[in-house]
Every structure is written in structure tokens, then in C-alpha cells.
Amino acid sequence: MAQELRRITTFVGATGRALRFQLRDATGVVIDLSGYTSAAISGKLDTTEKIQNEAVTIEAGTDGWVSFTPSSGAIDTEGEIRAQIKLIAAANDYTDEFVIEVLAVHDYTA
């Protein structure tokens, strides 16, 4: 059975808001990011490239936290963006897949 991808949730039009998440291995252990020098993220909504090799901030290092601020074009449509993060290190690179779930904001005042 395929492993369920982790999910990060945001909303259509929530630009300028960082998506912060913690990288863990398949057993749930936090990934030590102290040796990684840079990171990038890419992702598709169906067949449309929504995120194209955009920069990711590696936060403290040992606790696995990273953040990414999507552009307005990345989260302008409701749906699931299948994304991949790639971290670069001198010894070896690390990649991980996850889903960015973009939800519609409903106006309940009408």
C-alpha cells in the first residue's frame, strides 16, 4: 500500500503567508537539516506547474523546520498541489514529497 503523503493546508489568495512545516523521515524522526545549505520546492496542480523551483528557508537546522512563502500564482486555484522539496548538502541531497491543499474561502455573510 502506498504511503499517504503529508498535507499542508492553505487558502486561495493567502499570499504573503509562510507555510511552515517540519521534515520527518518515514518513521517519524525529525530530519537534521544542519548540513543542508539550500532548498527549493516545485509542484503541480493536475498537469499545471504552480510552483517552479522556488526558494525554501531552512530554519534552525537540527529540528527539521522549513518555511516557504507561495507566490500569488501558486495558490490562486482550489485543489491539491503535489509538491516536492529538495535540500542540497555537500555530502548528499534530500528530497521529500507532500501535498499542499489549497482550500476556497467561502463568504458566509450572504
C-alpha atoms as a PDB file:
ATOM      1  CA  MET A   1       0.000   0.000   0.000  1.00  0.00           C
ATOM      2  CA  ALA A   2       1.308   3.458  -0.899  1.00  0.00           C
ATOM      3  CA  GLN A   3       2.212   5.765   1.950  1.00  0.00           C
ATOM      4  CA  GLU A   4      -0.141   8.722   2.457  1.00  0.00           C
ATOM      5  CA  LEU A   5       1.652  11.978   1.692  1.00  0.00           C
ATOM      6  CA  ARG A   6       1.784  14.630   4.374  1.00  0.00           C
ATOM      7  CA  ARG A   7      -0.557  17.556   3.846  1.00  0.00           C
ATOM      8  CA  ILE A   8      -0.118  21.282   4.363  1.00  0.00           C
ATOM      9  CA  THR A   9      -3.251  23.414   4.156  1.00  0.00           C
ATOM     10  CA  THR A  10      -3.603  26.999   2.950  1.00  0.00           C
ATOM     11  CA  PHE A  11      -6.311  29.078   1.272  1.00  0.00           C
ATOM     12  CA  VAL A  12      -6.855  30.595  -2.168  1.00  0.00           C
ATOM     13  CA  GLY A  13      -5.362  34.083  -2.137  1.00  0.00           C
ATOM     14  CA  ALA A  14      -3.464  33.708   1.161  1.00  0.00           C
ATOM     15  CA  THR A  15      -0.366  35.248  -0.405  1.00  0.00           C
ATOM     16  CA  GLY A  16       2.431  36.532   1.762  1.00  0.00           C
ATOM     17  CA  ARG A  17       1.722  33.894   4.429  1.00  0.00           C
ATOM     18  CA  ALA A  18       4.557  31.456   5.030  1.00  0.00           C
ATOM     19  CA  LEU A  19       3.782  27.755   5.080  1.00  0.00           C
ATOM     20  CA  ARG A  20       5.925  26.333   7.889  1.00  0.00           C
ATOM     21  CA  PHE A  21       6.394  22.600   8.229  1.00  0.00           C
ATOM     22  CA  GLN A  22       8.707  20.048   9.795  1.00  0.00           C
ATOM     23  CA  LEU A  23      10.505  17.415   7.734  1.00  0.00           C
ATOM     24  CA  ARG A  24      10.454  13.872   9.150  1.00  0.00           C
ATOM     25  CA  ASP A  25      11.556  10.537   7.763  1.00  0.00           C
ATOM     26  CA  ALA A  26       9.193   7.606   7.111  1.00  0.00           C
ATOM     27  CA  THR A  27       9.405   6.524  10.766  1.00  0.00           C
ATOM     28  CA  GLY A  28       8.535   9.996  12.084  1.00  0.00           C
ATOM     29  CA  VAL A  29      12.049  11.001  13.159  1.00  0.00           C
ATOM     30  CA  VAL A  30      12.873  14.686  12.573  1.00  0.00           C
ATOM     31  CA  ILE A  31      15.401  15.296   9.779  1.00  0.00           C
ATOM     32  CA  ASP A  32      18.539  17.116  10.974  1.00  0.00           C
ATOM     33  CA  LEU A  33      18.943  19.924   8.433  1.00  0.00           C
ATOM     34  CA  SER A  34      22.129  21.460   9.852  1.00  0.00           C
ATOM     35  CA  GLY A  35      24.284  20.203   6.941  1.00  0.00           C
ATOM     36  CA  TYR A  36      21.998  21.497   4.196  1.00  0.00           C
ATOM     37  CA  THR A  37      22.873  24.770   2.502  1.00  0.00           C
ATOM     38  CA  SER A  38      19.847  25.482   0.311  1.00  0.00           C
ATOM     39  CA  ALA A  39      16.390  24.199  -0.527  1.00  0.00           C
ATOM     40  CA  ALA A  40      13.818  24.566  -3.296  1.00  0.00           C
ATOM     41  CA  ILE A  41      10.246  23.445  -3.896  1.00  0.00           C
ATOM     42  CA  SER A  42       8.315  22.589  -7.045  1.00  0.00           C
ATOM     43  CA  GLY A  43       4.747  21.420  -7.509  1.00  0.00           C
ATOM     44  CA  LYS A  44       1.859  20.707  -9.890  1.00  0.00           C
ATOM     45  CA  LEU A  45      -1.907  21.051  -9.657  1.00  0.00           C
ATOM     46  CA  ASP A  46      -3.059  18.285 -12.001  1.00  0.00           C
ATOM     47  CA  THR A  47      -0.822  18.947 -15.027  1.00  0.00           C
ATOM     48  CA  THR A  48      -0.239  22.680 -14.378  1.00  0.00           C
ATOM     49  CA  GLU A  49       3.109  23.685 -12.866  1.00  0.00           C
ATOM     50  CA  LYS A  50       2.150  26.011  -9.979  1.00  0.00           C
ATOM     51  CA  ILE A  51       5.455  26.191  -8.092  1.00  0.00           C
ATOM     52  CA  GLN A  52       8.659  26.234 -10.087  1.00  0.00           C
ATOM     53  CA  ASN A  53      11.860  25.693  -8.136  1.00  0.00           C
ATOM     54  CA  GLU A  54      11.088  28.405  -5.571  1.00  0.00           C
ATOM     55  CA  ALA A  55      13.321  29.048  -2.554  1.00  0.00           C
ATOM     56  CA  VAL A  56      12.642  27.428   0.817  1.00  0.00           C
ATOM     57  CA  THR A  57      14.034  28.781   4.092  1.00  0.00           C
ATOM     58  CA  ILE A  58      15.821  26.253   6.292  1.00  0.00           C
ATOM     59  CA  GLU A  59      15.095  27.453   9.819  1.00  0.00           C
ATOM     60  CA  ALA A  60      17.034  26.280  12.919  1.00  0.00           C
ATOM     61  CA  GLY A  61      18.678  23.267  11.297  1.00  0.00           C
ATOM     62  CA  THR A  62      18.554  20.357  13.753  1.00  0.00           C
ATOM     63  CA  ASP A  63      14.793  20.405  14.372  1.00  0.00           C
ATOM     64  CA  GLY A  64      13.720  19.924  10.740  1.00  0.00           C
ATOM     65  CA  TRP A  65      11.689  23.109  10.295  1.00  0.00           C
ATOM     66  CA  VAL A  66      11.479  24.822   6.916  1.00  0.00           C
ATOM     67  CA  SER A  67       9.203  27.519   5.529  1.00  0.00           C
ATOM     68  CA  PHE A  68       8.016  28.558   2.096  1.00  0.00           C
ATOM     69  CA  THR A  69       6.009  31.617   1.057  1.00  0.00           C
ATOM     70  CA  PRO A  70       3.983  30.767  -2.056  1.00  0.00           C
ATOM     71  CA  SER A  71       3.521  33.327  -4.807  1.00  0.00           C
ATOM     72  CA  SER A  72       0.027  34.554  -5.686  1.00  0.00           C
ATOM     73  CA  GLY A  73       0.029  32.364  -8.800  1.00  0.00           C
ATOM     74  CA  ALA A  74       0.847  29.260  -6.776  1.00  0.00           C
ATOM     75  CA  ILE A  75      -2.300  29.412  -4.652  1.00  0.00           C
ATOM     76  CA  ASP A  76      -4.827  31.094  -6.945  1.00  0.00           C
ATOM     77  CA  THR A  77      -6.833  27.911  -7.561  1.00  0.00           C
ATOM     78  CA  GLU A  78      -8.538  25.492  -5.184  1.00  0.00           C
ATOM     79  CA  GLY A  79      -7.082  21.984  -5.299  1.00  0.00           C
ATOM     80  CA  GLU A  80      -4.191  19.773  -4.309  1.00  0.00           C
ATOM     81  CA  ILE A  81      -0.684  20.675  -5.401  1.00  0.00           C
ATOM     82  CA  ARG A  82       1.587  17.652  -5.396  1.00  0.00           C
ATOM     83  CA  ALA A  83       4.875  19.157  -4.303  1.00  0.00           C
ATOM     84  CA  GLN A  84       8.458  18.088  -3.839  1.00  0.00           C
ATOM     85  CA  ILE A  85      11.093  19.741  -1.697  1.00  0.00           C
ATOM     86  CA  LYS A  86      14.792  19.286  -2.429  1.00  0.00           C
ATOM     87  CA  LEU A  87      17.521  20.192   0.042  1.00  0.00           C
ATOM     88  CA  ILE A  88      21.152  20.491  -1.050  1.00  0.00           C
ATOM     89  CA  ALA A  89      24.136  19.403   1.065  1.00  0.00           C
ATOM     90  CA  ALA A  90      27.794  18.770   0.315  1.00  0.00           C
ATOM     91  CA  ALA A  91      27.513  15.045   1.113  1.00  0.00           C
ATOM     92  CA  ASN A  92      24.067  14.194  -0.276  1.00  0.00           C
ATOM     93  CA  ASP A  93      20.744  15.754  -1.200  1.00  0.00           C
ATOM     94  CA  TYR A  94      17.389  15.094   0.461  1.00  0.00           C
ATOM     95  CA  THR A  95      14.006  15.070  -1.280  1.00  0.00           C
ATOM     96  CA  ASP A  96      10.512  14.635   0.102  1.00  0.00           C
ATOM     97  CA  GLU A  97       7.035  14.726  -1.427  1.00  0.00           C
ATOM     98  CA  PHE A  98       3.888  16.165   0.137  1.00  0.00           C
ATOM     99  CA  VAL A  99       0.576  17.799  -0.769  1.00  0.00           C
ATOM    100  CA  ILE A 100      -0.292  21.483  -0.438  1.00  0.00           C
ATOM    101  CA  GLU A 101      -4.063  21.574  -0.088  1.00  0.00           C
ATOM    102  CA  VAL A 102      -5.439  24.923  -1.322  1.00  0.00           C
ATOM    103  CA  LEU A 103      -8.940  25.489   0.014  1.00  0.00           C
ATOM    104  CA  ALA A 104     -11.533  28.037  -1.128  1.00  0.00           C
ATOM    105  CA  VAL A 105     -12.580  30.728   1.298  1.00  0.00           C
ATOM    106  CA  HIS A 106     -16.360  30.920   1.496  1.00  0.00           C
ATOM    107  CA  ASP A 107     -18.305  34.094   2.221  1.00  0.00           C
ATOM    108  CA  TYR A 108     -20.987  33.099   4.727  1.00  0.00           C
ATOM    109  CA  THR A 109     -22.333  36.641   5.155  1.00  0.00           C
ATOM    110  CA  ALA A 110     -24.570  36.460   2.093  1.00  0.00           C
END
